[in-house]
C-alpha atoms as a PDB file:
ATOM      1  CA  MET A   1      19.197  -9.850  30.039  1.00  0.00           C
ATOM      2  CA  PHE A   2      22.830  -9.779  31.085  1.00  0.00           C
ATOM      3  CA  ALA A   3      24.268  -9.274  34.542  1.00  0.00           C
ATOM      4  CA  ALA A   4      27.262  -7.022  35.181  1.00  0.00           C
ATOM      5  CA  GLN A   5      30.714  -8.497  35.673  1.00  0.00           C
ATOM      6  CA  ASP A   6      33.702  -6.781  37.336  1.00  0.00           C
ATOM      7  CA  ARG A   7      36.378  -8.936  35.748  1.00  0.00           C
ATOM      8  CA  SER A   8      38.249  -7.594  32.727  1.00  0.00           C
ATOM      9  CA  THR A   9      37.456  -9.306  29.469  1.00  0.00           C
ATOM     10  CA  ALA A  10      39.519 -10.228  26.461  1.00  0.00           C
ATOM     11  CA  ILE A  11      37.460  -9.585  23.359  1.00  0.00           C
ATOM     12  CA  ARG A  12      38.259 -11.430  20.189  1.00  0.00           C
ATOM     13  CA  PRO A  13      37.891  -9.664  16.814  1.00  0.00           C
ATOM     14  CA  ALA A  14      34.696  -9.977  14.810  1.00  0.00           C
ATOM     15  CA  HIS A  15      34.882 -12.858  12.324  1.00  0.00           C
ATOM     16  CA  VAL A  16      32.935 -11.274   9.496  1.00  0.00           C
ATOM     17  CA  HIS A  17      34.160 -11.550   5.929  1.00  0.00           C
ATOM     18  CA  ALA A  18      34.062  -7.998   4.619  1.00  0.00           C
ATOM     19  CA  GLU A  19      36.445  -5.508   3.064  1.00  0.00           C
ATOM     20  CA  LYS A  20      35.567  -2.966   5.743  1.00  0.00           C
ATOM     21  CA  PRO A  21      34.851  -3.560   9.434  1.00  0.00           C
ATOM     22  CA  PRO A  22      31.111  -4.031  10.014  1.00  0.00           C
ATOM     23  CA  LEU A  23      29.535  -0.763  11.143  1.00  0.00           C
ATOM     24  CA  VAL A  24      27.562  -0.662  14.382  1.00  0.00           C
ATOM     25  CA  ALA A  25      25.314   2.351  14.963  1.00  0.00           C
ATOM     26  CA  ILE A  26      24.700   3.271  18.611  1.00  0.00           C
ATOM     27  CA  VAL A  27      21.860   5.555  19.677  1.00  0.00           C
ATOM     28  CA  ASP A  28      21.848   6.726  23.293  1.00  0.00           C
ATOM     29  CA  ASP A  29      21.275  10.139  24.897  1.00  0.00           C
ATOM     30  CA  ASP A  30      23.995   9.348  27.480  1.00  0.00           C
ATOM     31  CA  ALA A  31      27.341  10.568  26.116  1.00  0.00           C
ATOM     32  CA  LEU A  32      29.257   8.488  28.673  1.00  0.00           C
ATOM     33  CA  MET A  33      27.461   5.326  27.558  1.00  0.00           C
ATOM     34  CA  LEU A  34      28.217   6.111  23.913  1.00  0.00           C
ATOM     35  CA  SER A  35      31.889   6.522  24.772  1.00  0.00           C
ATOM     36  CA  ALA A  36      31.944   3.286  26.777  1.00  0.00           C
ATOM     37  CA  LEU A  37      30.317   1.293  23.974  1.00  0.00           C
ATOM     38  CA  ARG A  38      32.719   2.754  21.435  1.00  0.00           C
ATOM     39  CA  ARG A  39      35.688   1.701  23.592  1.00  0.00           C
ATOM     40  CA  LEU A  40      34.179  -1.765  23.900  1.00  0.00           C
ATOM     41  CA  LEU A  41      33.372  -2.384  20.237  1.00  0.00           C
ATOM     42  CA  LEU A  42      36.303  -0.818  18.403  1.00  0.00           C
ATOM     43  CA  PRO A  43      38.894  -3.308  19.768  1.00  0.00           C
ATOM     44  CA  ALA A  44      36.475  -6.121  18.864  1.00  0.00           C
ATOM     45  CA  GLY A  45      36.871  -5.269  15.187  1.00  0.00           C
ATOM     46  CA  PHE A  46      33.775  -3.151  14.586  1.00  0.00           C
ATOM     47  CA  ALA A  47      33.463   0.336  13.154  1.00  0.00           C
ATOM     48  CA  VAL A  48      31.243   2.522  15.330  1.00  0.00           C
ATOM     49  CA  GLN A  49      29.006   5.508  14.641  1.00  0.00           C
ATOM     50  CA  THR A  50      27.280   7.173  17.603  1.00  0.00           C
ATOM     51  CA  TYR A  51      24.137   9.320  17.844  1.00  0.00           C
ATOM     52  CA  GLN A  52      22.678  11.119  20.865  1.00  0.00           C
ATOM     53  CA  SER A  53      19.078  11.034  19.672  1.00  0.00           C
ATOM     54  CA  GLY A  54      16.779   8.999  17.501  1.00  0.00           C
ATOM     55  CA  ALA A  55      16.112  12.004  15.280  1.00  0.00           C
ATOM     56  CA  GLU A  56      19.847  12.469  14.636  1.00  0.00           C
ATOM     57  CA  PHE A  57      20.197   8.802  13.754  1.00  0.00           C
ATOM     58  CA  LEU A  58      17.188   8.708  11.413  1.00  0.00           C
ATOM     59  CA  ALA A  59      18.396  11.869   9.654  1.00  0.00           C
ATOM     60  CA  ASP A  60      21.576  10.066   8.577  1.00  0.00           C
ATOM     61  CA  ALA A  61      21.368   9.471   4.829  1.00  0.00           C
ATOM     62  CA  ASN A  62      23.536   6.337   5.137  1.00  0.00           C
ATOM     63  CA  LEU A  63      21.323   4.276   7.434  1.00  0.00           C
ATOM     64  CA  ASP A  64      21.705   1.188   5.289  1.00  0.00           C
ATOM     65  CA  GLN A  65      25.479   1.182   5.751  1.00  0.00           C
ATOM     66  CA  ALA A  66      25.176  -0.122   9.307  1.00  0.00           C
ATOM     67  CA  SER A  67      25.127  -3.848  10.024  1.00  0.00           C
ATOM     68  CA  CYS A  68      23.484  -3.507  13.423  1.00  0.00           C
ATOM     69  CA  VAL A  69      21.908  -0.847  15.655  1.00  0.00           C
ATOM     70  CA  ILE A  70      22.146  -0.586  19.429  1.00  0.00           C
ATOM     71  CA  LEU A  71      19.236   1.466  20.773  1.00  0.00           C
ATOM     72  CA  ASP A  72      18.666   2.895  24.229  1.00  0.00           C
ATOM     73  CA  ALA A  73      15.121   1.956  25.179  1.00  0.00           C
ATOM     74  CA  ARG A  74      14.300   5.226  26.930  1.00  0.00           C
ATOM     75  CA  MET A  75      15.380   8.525  25.389  1.00  0.00           C
ATOM     76  CA  PRO A  76      13.788  11.989  25.528  1.00  0.00           C
ATOM     77  CA  GLU A  77      11.638  13.078  22.570  1.00  0.00           C
ATOM     78  CA  MET A  78      11.780   9.725  20.762  1.00  0.00           C
ATOM     79  CA  ALA A  79      11.851   6.386  22.587  1.00  0.00           C
ATOM     80  CA  GLY A  80      13.798   3.427  21.281  1.00  0.00           C
ATOM     81  CA  VAL A  81      10.733   1.508  20.083  1.00  0.00           C
ATOM     82  CA  GLU A  82       9.644   4.524  18.037  1.00  0.00           C
ATOM     83  CA  VAL A  83      13.093   4.769  16.466  1.00  0.00           C
ATOM     84  CA  GLN A  84      12.882   1.031  15.719  1.00  0.00           C
ATOM     85  CA  ALA A  85       9.496   1.427  14.019  1.00  0.00           C
ATOM     86  CA  ARG A  86      10.705   4.288  11.842  1.00  0.00           C
ATOM     87  CA  LEU A  87      13.937   2.486  11.010  1.00  0.00           C
ATOM     88  CA  LYS A  88      11.961  -0.480   9.640  1.00  0.00           C
ATOM     89  CA  GLN A  89      10.393   1.866   7.078  1.00  0.00           C
ATOM     90  CA  PHE A  90      13.850   2.550   5.616  1.00  0.00           C
ATOM     91  CA  VAL A  91      15.878  -0.598   6.356  1.00  0.00           C
ATOM     92  CA  ALA A  92      13.539  -3.460   7.151  1.00  0.00           C
ATOM     93  CA  ASP A  93      16.254  -6.063   7.739  1.00  0.00           C
ATOM     94  CA  MET A  94      18.424  -4.108  10.204  1.00  0.00           C
ATOM     95  CA  PRO A  95      19.113  -6.109  13.400  1.00  0.00           C
ATOM     96  CA  VAL A  96      18.328  -4.046  16.506  1.00  0.00           C
ATOM     97  CA  ILE A  97      19.683  -4.602  20.012  1.00  0.00           C
ATOM     98  CA  PHE A  98      18.029  -2.687  22.846  1.00  0.00           C
ATOM     99  CA  LEU A  99      19.737  -1.469  26.000  1.00  0.00           C
ATOM    100  CA  SER A 100      17.699  -0.455  29.012  1.00  0.00           C
ATOM    101  CA  GLY A 101      18.534   0.919  32.432  1.00  0.00           C
ATOM    102  CA  SER A 102      15.595  -0.926  33.964  1.00  0.00           C
ATOM    103  CA  ALA A 103      13.736  -4.205  33.602  1.00  0.00           C
ATOM    104  CA  ASP A 104      10.939  -2.621  31.581  1.00  0.00           C
ATOM    105  CA  ILE A 105       8.936  -5.691  30.573  1.00  0.00           C
ATOM    106  CA  PRO A 106       6.257  -3.913  28.451  1.00  0.00           C
ATOM    107  CA  VAL A 107       8.926  -2.070  26.445  1.00  0.00           C
ATOM    108  CA  ALA A 108      10.946  -5.262  26.046  1.00  0.00           C
ATOM    109  CA  VAL A 109       7.890  -7.157  24.801  1.00  0.00           C
ATOM    110  CA  ALA A 110       7.024  -4.373  22.336  1.00  0.00           C
ATOM    111  CA  ALA A 111      10.601  -4.274  21.042  1.00  0.00           C
ATOM    112  CA  MET A 112      10.820  -8.038  20.573  1.00  0.00           C
ATOM    113  CA  ARG A 113       7.457  -8.148  18.826  1.00  0.00           C
ATOM    114  CA  GLU A 114       8.792  -5.601  16.359  1.00  0.00           C
ATOM    115  CA  GLY A 115      11.718  -7.894  15.617  1.00  0.00           C
ATOM    116  CA  ALA A 116      14.449  -6.749  18.022  1.00  0.00           C
ATOM    117  CA  LEU A 117      17.267  -9.266  18.248  1.00  0.00           C
ATOM    118  CA  ASP A 118      17.757  -8.822  21.995  1.00  0.00           C
ATOM    119  CA  PHE A 119      16.814  -6.609  24.942  1.00  0.00           C
ATOM    120  CA  ILE A 120      19.696  -6.172  27.373  1.00  0.00           C
ATOM    121  CA  GLN A 121      19.531  -4.559  30.788  1.00  0.00           C
ATOM    122  CA  LYS A 122      22.279  -2.222  31.978  1.00  0.00           C
ATOM    123  CA  PRO A 123      24.793  -2.832  33.441  1.00  0.00           C
ATOM    124  CA  PHE A 124      25.634  -5.547  30.958  1.00  0.00           C
ATOM    125  CA  ASP A 125      28.180  -8.308  30.562  1.00  0.00           C
ATOM    126  CA  ARG A 126      30.808  -7.017  28.136  1.00  0.00           C
ATOM    127  CA  ASP A 127      31.595 -10.346  26.450  1.00  0.00           C
ATOM    128  CA  LYS A 128      27.961 -11.218  26.004  1.00  0.00           C
ATOM    129  CA  LEU A 129      27.129  -7.829  24.487  1.00  0.00           C
ATOM    130  CA  VAL A 130      29.978  -8.179  21.993  1.00  0.00           C
ATOM    131  CA  ALA A 131      28.798 -11.700  21.167  1.00  0.00           C
ATOM    132  CA  CYS A 132      25.284 -10.373  20.631  1.00  0.00           C
ATOM    133  CA  VAL A 133      26.578  -7.656  18.304  1.00  0.00           C
ATOM    134  CA  ARG A 134      28.638 -10.214  16.405  1.00  0.00           C
ATOM    135  CA  ARG A 135      25.582 -12.437  16.013  1.00  0.00           C
ATOM    136  CA  ALA A 136      23.561  -9.444  14.743  1.00  0.00           C
ATOM    137  CA  VAL A 137      26.246  -8.539  12.199  1.00  0.00           C
ATOM    138  CA  GLU A 138      26.511 -12.113  10.921  1.00  0.00           C
ATOM    139  CA  LEU A 139      22.723 -12.384  10.697  1.00  0.00           C
ATOM    140  CA  HIS A 140      22.572  -9.153   8.729  1.00  0.00           C
ATOM    141  CA  ALA A 141      25.305 -10.331   6.354  1.00  0.00           C
ATOM    142  CA  SER A 142      23.496 -13.640   5.822  1.00  0.00           C
ATOM    143  CA  GLU A 143      20.181 -11.919   5.121  1.00  0.00           C
ATOM    144  CA  ARG A 144      21.807  -9.461   2.734  1.00  0.00           C
ATOM    145  CA  GLU A 145      23.516 -12.327   0.906  1.00  0.00           C
ATOM    146  CA  GLY A 146      20.171 -14.115   0.637  1.00  0.00           C
ATOM    147  CA  GLN A 147      18.551 -11.012  -0.808  1.00  0.00           C
ATOM    148  CA  GLU A 148      21.399 -10.529  -3.254  1.00  0.00           C
ATOM    149  CA  ARG A 149      21.187 -14.171  -4.351  1.00  0.00           C
ATOM    150  CA  HIS A 150      17.451 -13.751  -4.954  1.00  0.00           C
ATOM    151  CA  GLU A 151      18.149 -10.694  -7.128  1.00  0.00           C
ATOM    152  CA  VAL A 152      20.938 -12.488  -9.001  1.00  0.00           C
ATOM    153  CA  LEU A 153      18.681 -15.453  -9.737  1.00  0.00           C
ATOM    154  CA  ALA A 154      15.999 -13.125 -11.070  1.00  0.00           C
ATOM    155  CA  ARG A 155      18.561 -11.521 -13.387  1.00  0.00           C
ATOM    156  CA  LEU A 156      19.863 -14.924 -14.402  1.00  0.00           C
ATOM    157  CA  HIS A 157      16.392 -16.046 -15.430  1.00  0.00           C
ATOM    158  CA  SER A 158      15.962 -12.886 -17.484  1.00  0.00           C
ATOM    159  CA  LEU A 159      18.689 -14.107 -19.857  1.00  0.00           C
ATOM    160  CA  THR A 160      17.764 -15.878 -23.047  1.00  0.00           C
ATOM    161  CA  THR A 161      18.790 -19.498 -23.534  1.00  0.00           C
ATOM    162  CA  ARG A 162      21.584 -18.384 -25.829  1.00  0.00           C
ATOM    163  CA  GLU A 163      22.795 -15.765 -23.360  1.00  0.00           C
ATOM    164  CA  ARG A 164      22.898 -18.367 -20.594  1.00  0.00           C
ATOM    165  CA  SER A 165      25.037 -20.611 -22.762  1.00  0.00           C
ATOM    166  CA  VAL A 166      27.396 -17.724 -23.450  1.00  0.00           C
ATOM    167  CA  LEU A 167      27.462 -16.861 -19.748  1.00  0.00           C
ATOM    168  CA  GLY A 168      28.555 -20.395 -18.889  1.00  0.00           C
ATOM    169  CA  GLN A 169      31.462 -20.058 -21.301  1.00  0.00           C
ATOM    170  CA  VAL A 170      32.387 -16.571 -20.070  1.00  0.00           C
ATOM    171  CA  VAL A 171      32.609 -17.585 -16.417  1.00  0.00           C
ATOM    172  CA  ALA A 172      34.673 -20.607 -17.480  1.00  0.00           C
ATOM    173  CA  GLY A 173      37.266 -18.127 -18.746  1.00  0.00           C
ATOM    174  CA  LYS A 174      36.663 -18.522 -22.477  1.00  0.00           C
ATOM    175  CA  THR A 175      37.359 -15.643 -24.874  1.00  0.00           C
ATOM    176  CA  CYS A 176      34.732 -14.452 -27.338  1.00  0.00           C
ATOM    177  CA  LYS A 177      36.597 -16.213 -30.157  1.00  0.00           C
ATOM    178  CA  GLN A 178      36.688 -19.471 -28.211  1.00  0.00           C
ATOM    179  CA  ILE A 179      32.997 -19.161 -27.350  1.00  0.00           C
ATOM    180  CA  ALA A 180      32.158 -18.567 -31.009  1.00  0.00           C
ATOM    181  CA  ARG A 181      34.010 -21.758 -31.943  1.00  0.00           C
ATOM    182  CA  ASN A 182      32.382 -23.751 -29.127  1.00  0.00           C
ATOM    183  CA  LEU A 183      28.809 -22.543 -29.595  1.00  0.00           C
ATOM    184  CA  GLY A 184      28.827 -21.481 -33.215  1.00  0.00           C
ATOM    185  CA  GLY A 185      28.249 -18.008 -34.519  1.00  0.00           C
ATOM    186  CA  SER A 186      30.498 -15.057 -35.186  1.00  0.00           C
ATOM    187  CA  HIS A 187      32.911 -13.406 -32.824  1.00  0.00           C
ATOM    188  CA  ARG A 188      30.924 -10.167 -33.156  1.00  0.00           C
ATOM    189  CA  THR A 189      27.646 -11.870 -32.242  1.00  0.00           C
ATOM    190  CA  ILE A 190      29.198 -13.341 -29.108  1.00  0.00           C
ATOM    191  CA  GLU A 191      30.454  -9.881 -28.138  1.00  0.00           C
ATOM    192  CA  VAL A 192      26.899  -8.556 -28.467  1.00  0.00           C
ATOM    193  CA  HIS A 193      25.560 -11.401 -26.315  1.00  0.00           C
ATOM    194  CA  ARG A 194      28.242 -10.723 -23.721  1.00  0.00           C
ATOM    195  CA  HIS A 195      27.336  -7.028 -23.663  1.00  0.00           C
ATOM    196  CA  HIS A 196      23.659  -7.872 -23.142  1.00  0.00           C
ATOM    197  CA  ILE A 197      24.579 -10.303 -20.356  1.00  0.00           C
ATOM    198  CA  MET A 198      26.594  -7.653 -18.546  1.00  0.00           C
ATOM    199  CA  GLU A 199      23.677  -5.223 -18.803  1.00  0.00           C
ATOM    200  CA  LYS A 200      20.991  -7.676 -17.677  1.00  0.00           C
ATOM    201  CA  MET A 201      23.094  -8.968 -14.788  1.00  0.00           C
ATOM    202  CA  ALA A 202      24.045  -5.395 -13.785  1.00  0.00           C
ATOM    203  CA  ALA A 203      27.669  -6.521 -13.660  1.00  0.00           C
ATOM    204  CA  SER A 204      30.319  -3.815 -13.595  1.00  0.00           C
ATOM    205  CA  SER A 205      33.163  -6.152 -14.562  1.00  0.00           C
ATOM    206  CA  LEU A 206      33.951  -9.732 -15.505  1.00  0.00           C
ATOM    207  CA  ALA A 207      34.981 -10.407 -11.894  1.00  0.00           C
ATOM    208  CA  ASP A 208      31.590  -9.103 -10.732  1.00  0.00           C
ATOM    209  CA  LEU A 209      29.857 -11.378 -13.222  1.00  0.00           C
ATOM    210  CA  VAL A 210      31.822 -14.410 -12.016  1.00  0.00           C
ATOM    211  CA  ARG A 211      31.050 -13.541  -8.390  1.00  0.00           C
ATOM    212  CA  MET A 212      27.327 -13.368  -9.134  1.00  0.00           C
ATOM    213  CA  ARG A 213      27.390 -16.664 -10.995  1.00  0.00           C
ATOM    214  CA  MET A 214      29.102 -18.260  -8.013  1.00  0.00           C
ATOM    215  CA  LEU A 215      26.520 -16.715  -5.702  1.00  0.00           C
ATOM    216  CA  ALA A 216      23.781 -18.388  -7.745  1.00  0.00           C
ATOM    217  CA  GLY A 217      25.316 -21.709  -6.734  1.00  0.00           C
ATOM    218  CA  ASP A 218      23.946 -24.822  -8.433  1.00  0.00           C
ATOM    219  CA  GLU A 219      21.251 -22.941 -10.303  1.00  0.00           C
ATOM    220  CA  PRO A 220      21.384 -24.362 -13.857  1.00  0.00           C
ATOM    221  CA  ILE A 221      22.150 -21.871 -16.618  1.00  0.00           C
ATOM    222  CA  HIS A 222      21.225 -24.002 -19.618  1.00  0.00           C
END
């Protein structure tokens, strides 16, 4: 739990490699707290979406777009731990940070048992809260990358031996004609193999295919 600090803090931007700023969802029935957290996190490089109830948050069709959720522990109608439990049914890997106006040990224990990343008592240290959010976002990105790599490897292993050989040539920048000369076979047959590879790997473009092959790392393709 973090203690309050009166000094002003300089907050460095979030170092997360993404095309868009990582989205932090904040759920709190206190409008002033929502506004304060927004003012804290936006300059730190995060996008922010606020909700004044757990029901409003869970009704959002884009729950999986968030990289982290900050939950008030005690809210009317639906407490934070209940929101956490329901969230896990939709997005199991979402990091959750709890905020509480009191040192509620039973609630904190219940939240942590359900996988909460941290349980922070208000008033909180600004720098430490931002650092906690940054850690949650980076953890989420790492877990998502791990899941994606697992899916890519499964797709990679669904390729035939011939398709894997063609894939190795494709990601090396070879044209279908060059691949046909290197591996044998007709230009048309290589085009068919390449089409099947794109379908099996669920790649939308050559760049996407190369990215997935790089994500697979040292996994052999022959």
